[in-house]
Amino acid sequence: MTAPRRDALTRAVSQALHHSPVSLLRLGRLTRLPQSTLWRIANGELGATARVANAVATALEKLGRTCGEAARVIRRAQQAASKQRTP
């Protein structure tokens, strides 16, 4: 069986899956999509639908916000610790 022609949406989703900061398993849980579907899109065996693309984009946006918030908490703690050490 040959791989489907990869349109721009499928290429974009595949690239995002390959560069995701989390595993396909975790992304599957976040998107409520089967990990196997994400794997098949990432590996060119399946085209991405608008629904899948939206779910992946939403999950990645949420991850970005969560990581950004976590980084801000760390930076504030660093600043507080630095101020405590300064006489």
N, C-alpha and C. Protein backbone atom coordinates (compact mmCIF):
# COMPACT_ATOMS: atom_id res chain seq x y z
N MET A 1 0.84 -1.17 0.00
CA MET A 1 0.00 0.00 0.00
C MET A 1 0.89 1.25 0.00
N THR A 2 0.58 2.20 -0.85
CA THR A 2 1.40 3.40 -0.92
C THR A 2 0.89 4.45 0.06
N ALA A 3 1.80 5.30 0.48
CA ALA A 3 1.43 6.38 1.40
C ALA A 3 0.58 7.41 0.66
N PRO A 4 -0.38 8.02 1.36
CA PRO A 4 -1.20 9.04 0.72
C PRO A 4 -0.38 10.28 0.40
N ARG A 5 -0.83 11.03 -0.61
CA ARG A 5 -0.16 12.28 -0.95
C ARG A 5 -0.23 13.20 0.26
N ARG A 6 0.87 13.79 0.60
CA ARG A 6 0.93 14.63 1.81
C ARG A 6 0.61 16.08 1.44
N ASP A 7 -0.55 16.53 1.87
CA ASP A 7 -0.92 17.92 1.64
C ASP A 7 -0.29 18.81 2.70
N ALA A 8 -0.47 20.11 2.55
CA ALA A 8 0.16 21.07 3.46
C ALA A 8 -0.27 20.87 4.90
N LEU A 9 -1.54 20.57 5.13
CA LEU A 9 -2.04 20.36 6.49
C LEU A 9 -1.38 19.13 7.12
N THR A 10 -1.31 18.05 6.37
CA THR A 10 -0.68 16.83 6.86
C THR A 10 0.80 17.04 7.15
N ARG A 11 1.48 17.75 6.26
CA ARG A 11 2.91 18.05 6.49
C ARG A 11 3.10 18.88 7.75
N ALA A 12 2.23 19.87 7.95
CA ALA A 12 2.34 20.73 9.14
C ALA A 12 2.09 19.94 10.41
N VAL A 13 1.07 19.08 10.41
CA VAL A 13 0.77 18.28 11.60
C VAL A 13 1.90 17.28 11.84
N SER A 14 2.38 16.65 10.79
CA SER A 14 3.48 15.69 10.93
C SER A 14 4.70 16.36 11.53
N GLN A 15 5.05 17.53 11.03
CA GLN A 15 6.22 18.26 11.55
C GLN A 15 6.00 18.61 13.03
N ALA A 16 4.80 19.05 13.37
CA ALA A 16 4.50 19.39 14.77
C ALA A 16 4.61 18.16 15.66
N LEU A 17 4.16 17.02 15.18
CA LEU A 17 4.25 15.79 15.96
C LEU A 17 5.71 15.40 16.19
N HIS A 18 6.52 15.56 15.17
CA HIS A 18 7.95 15.23 15.29
C HIS A 18 8.68 16.16 16.24
N HIS A 19 8.23 17.40 16.34
CA HIS A 19 8.90 18.39 17.18
C HIS A 19 8.19 18.62 18.51
N SER A 20 7.20 17.84 18.80
CA SER A 20 6.45 17.99 20.05
C SER A 20 7.35 17.75 21.25
N PRO A 21 7.17 18.54 22.31
CA PRO A 21 7.99 18.33 23.51
C PRO A 21 7.54 17.13 24.35
N VAL A 22 6.45 16.51 23.94
CA VAL A 22 5.95 15.34 24.66
C VAL A 22 5.80 14.16 23.69
N SER A 23 5.67 12.98 24.25
CA SER A 23 5.54 11.77 23.43
C SER A 23 4.19 11.73 22.70
N LEU A 24 4.11 10.89 21.69
CA LEU A 24 2.84 10.70 21.00
C LEU A 24 1.79 10.11 21.94
N LEU A 25 2.23 9.31 22.88
CA LEU A 25 1.30 8.75 23.87
C LEU A 25 0.66 9.88 24.67
N ARG A 26 1.48 10.79 25.18
CA ARG A 26 0.97 11.92 25.97
C ARG A 26 0.11 12.84 25.10
N LEU A 27 0.56 13.09 23.88
CA LEU A 27 -0.21 13.94 22.98
C LEU A 27 -1.55 13.30 22.62
N GLY A 28 -1.53 11.97 22.47
CA GLY A 28 -2.78 11.26 22.22
C GLY A 28 -3.77 11.43 23.37
N ARG A 29 -3.25 11.38 24.58
CA ARG A 29 -4.12 11.57 25.74
C ARG A 29 -4.67 12.99 25.78
N LEU A 30 -3.81 13.96 25.49
CA LEU A 30 -4.24 15.36 25.51
C LEU A 30 -5.28 15.66 24.43
N THR A 31 -5.12 15.03 23.29
CA THR A 31 -6.02 15.28 22.16
C THR A 31 -7.22 14.34 22.13
N ARG A 32 -7.14 13.29 22.95
CA ARG A 32 -8.16 12.24 22.94
C ARG A 32 -8.24 11.55 21.58
N LEU A 33 -7.07 11.43 20.96
CA LEU A 33 -6.95 10.71 19.70
C LEU A 33 -6.07 9.50 19.93
N PRO A 34 -6.29 8.43 19.17
CA PRO A 34 -5.43 7.25 19.33
C PRO A 34 -3.98 7.58 18.99
N GLN A 35 -3.08 7.08 19.80
CA GLN A 35 -1.65 7.25 19.55
C GLN A 35 -1.30 6.71 18.17
N SER A 36 -1.95 5.62 17.78
CA SER A 36 -1.65 5.02 16.48
C SER A 36 -2.01 5.96 15.33
N THR A 37 -3.06 6.73 15.48
CA THR A 37 -3.44 7.71 14.46
C THR A 37 -2.37 8.77 14.33
N LEU A 38 -1.91 9.28 15.48
CA LEU A 38 -0.85 10.30 15.46
C LEU A 38 0.43 9.74 14.86
N TRP A 39 0.77 8.50 15.20
CA TRP A 39 1.98 7.87 14.67
C TRP A 39 1.87 7.74 13.15
N ARG A 40 0.71 7.31 12.67
CA ARG A 40 0.52 7.12 11.23
C ARG A 40 0.60 8.44 10.47
N ILE A 41 0.09 9.52 11.06
CA ILE A 41 0.21 10.84 10.43
C ILE A 41 1.68 11.27 10.43
N ALA A 42 2.33 11.12 11.57
CA ALA A 42 3.74 11.53 11.69
C ALA A 42 4.63 10.79 10.71
N ASN A 43 4.27 9.57 10.39
CA ASN A 43 5.10 8.74 9.51
C ASN A 43 4.57 8.64 8.08
N GLY A 44 3.64 9.51 7.73
CA GLY A 44 3.18 9.60 6.36
C GLY A 44 2.24 8.51 5.90
N GLU A 45 1.70 7.75 6.81
CA GLU A 45 0.79 6.67 6.43
C GLU A 45 -0.67 7.10 6.40
N LEU A 46 -0.95 8.28 6.94
CA LEU A 46 -2.33 8.75 7.05
C LEU A 46 -2.34 10.27 6.91
N GLY A 47 -3.33 10.78 6.23
CA GLY A 47 -3.46 12.22 6.11
C GLY A 47 -4.15 12.80 7.34
N ALA A 48 -3.81 14.04 7.65
CA ALA A 48 -4.42 14.71 8.79
C ALA A 48 -5.73 15.36 8.37
N THR A 49 -6.75 15.20 9.18
CA THR A 49 -8.02 15.88 8.94
C THR A 49 -7.99 17.22 9.67
N ALA A 50 -8.95 18.06 9.36
CA ALA A 50 -9.06 19.36 10.05
C ALA A 50 -9.29 19.14 11.54
N ARG A 51 -10.07 18.14 11.90
CA ARG A 51 -10.35 17.84 13.31
C ARG A 51 -9.08 17.44 14.06
N VAL A 52 -8.29 16.58 13.44
CA VAL A 52 -7.03 16.14 14.06
C VAL A 52 -6.07 17.32 14.17
N ALA A 53 -5.95 18.11 13.11
CA ALA A 53 -5.06 19.26 13.13
C ALA A 53 -5.45 20.23 14.24
N ASN A 54 -6.73 20.49 14.38
CA ASN A 54 -7.21 21.38 15.43
C ASN A 54 -6.90 20.82 16.82
N ALA A 55 -7.11 19.54 17.02
CA ALA A 55 -6.85 18.92 18.32
C ALA A 55 -5.36 18.98 18.67
N VAL A 56 -4.51 18.71 17.70
CA VAL A 56 -3.06 18.74 17.94
C VAL A 56 -2.62 20.18 18.22
N ALA A 57 -3.09 21.13 17.44
CA ALA A 57 -2.72 22.54 17.65
C ALA A 57 -3.17 23.02 19.02
N THR A 58 -4.39 22.68 19.41
CA THR A 58 -4.90 23.09 20.72
C THR A 58 -4.07 22.50 21.85
N ALA A 59 -3.73 21.22 21.74
CA ALA A 59 -2.93 20.57 22.78
C ALA A 59 -1.54 21.20 22.88
N LEU A 60 -0.92 21.50 21.74
CA LEU A 60 0.40 22.11 21.76
C LEU A 60 0.35 23.53 22.33
N GLU A 61 -0.70 24.26 22.02
CA GLU A 61 -0.87 25.60 22.61
C GLU A 61 -1.00 25.51 24.12
N LYS A 62 -1.77 24.54 24.59
CA LYS A 62 -1.95 24.36 26.03
C LYS A 62 -0.62 23.99 26.69
N LEU A 63 0.13 23.10 26.05
CA LEU A 63 1.45 22.73 26.58
C LEU A 63 2.36 23.95 26.65
N GLY A 64 2.31 24.79 25.63
CA GLY A 64 3.14 25.99 25.61
C GLY A 64 2.79 26.92 26.77
N ARG A 65 1.50 27.11 27.01
CA ARG A 65 1.09 27.96 28.13
C ARG A 65 1.53 27.36 29.46
N THR A 66 1.34 26.05 29.60
CA THR A 66 1.71 25.37 30.84
C THR A 66 3.21 25.47 31.09
N CYS A 67 4.00 25.24 30.06
CA CYS A 67 5.46 25.34 30.21
C CYS A 67 5.88 26.77 30.51
N GLY A 68 5.26 27.73 29.86
CA GLY A 68 5.57 29.12 30.11
C GLY A 68 5.25 29.53 31.54
N GLU A 69 4.11 29.08 32.05
CA GLU A 69 3.72 29.38 33.43
C GLU A 69 4.70 28.74 34.41
N ALA A 70 5.08 27.50 34.14
CA ALA A 70 6.04 26.81 35.01
C ALA A 70 7.38 27.53 35.02
N ALA A 71 7.83 27.99 33.87
CA ALA A 71 9.09 28.72 33.78
C ALA A 71 9.03 30.03 34.56
N ARG A 72 7.88 30.71 34.49
CA ARG A 72 7.73 31.96 35.24
C ARG A 72 7.79 31.73 36.75
N VAL A 73 7.20 30.63 37.22
CA VAL A 73 7.26 30.29 38.64
C VAL A 73 8.71 30.06 39.07
N ILE A 74 9.45 29.35 38.25
CA ILE A 74 10.86 29.09 38.55
C ILE A 74 11.64 30.40 38.59
N ARG A 75 11.43 31.27 37.60
CA ARG A 75 12.16 32.55 37.55
C ARG A 75 11.85 33.41 38.78
N ARG A 76 10.59 33.45 39.19
CA ARG A 76 10.24 34.22 40.39
C ARG A 76 10.92 33.65 41.62
N ALA A 77 10.98 32.33 41.73
CA ALA A 77 11.66 31.70 42.86
C ALA A 77 13.15 31.99 42.83
N GLN A 78 13.74 31.99 41.64
CA GLN A 78 15.16 32.33 41.51
C GLN A 78 15.42 33.76 41.98
N GLN A 79 14.57 34.67 41.55
CA GLN A 79 14.72 36.08 41.93
C GLN A 79 14.58 36.24 43.44
N ALA A 80 13.59 35.57 44.03
CA ALA A 80 13.38 35.66 45.48
C ALA A 80 14.59 35.10 46.22
N ALA A 81 15.12 33.98 45.76
CA ALA A 81 16.29 33.37 46.40
C ALA A 81 17.50 34.28 46.28
N SER A 82 17.64 34.92 45.12
CA SER A 82 18.76 35.83 44.89
C SER A 82 18.67 37.04 45.82
N LYS A 83 17.49 37.56 46.01
CA LYS A 83 17.30 38.71 46.90
C LYS A 83 17.59 38.34 48.35
N GLN A 84 17.29 37.13 48.73
CA GLN A 84 17.52 36.68 50.12
C GLN A 84 19.01 36.54 50.40
N ARG A 85 19.78 36.18 49.38
CA ARG A 85 21.23 36.00 49.56
C ARG A 85 21.98 37.32 49.57
N THR A 86 21.40 38.33 48.97
CA THR A 86 22.06 39.63 48.89
C THR A 86 21.90 40.38 50.22
N PRO A 87 23.03 40.79 50.86
CA PRO A 87 22.92 41.49 52.16
C PRO A 87 22.36 42.88 52.04
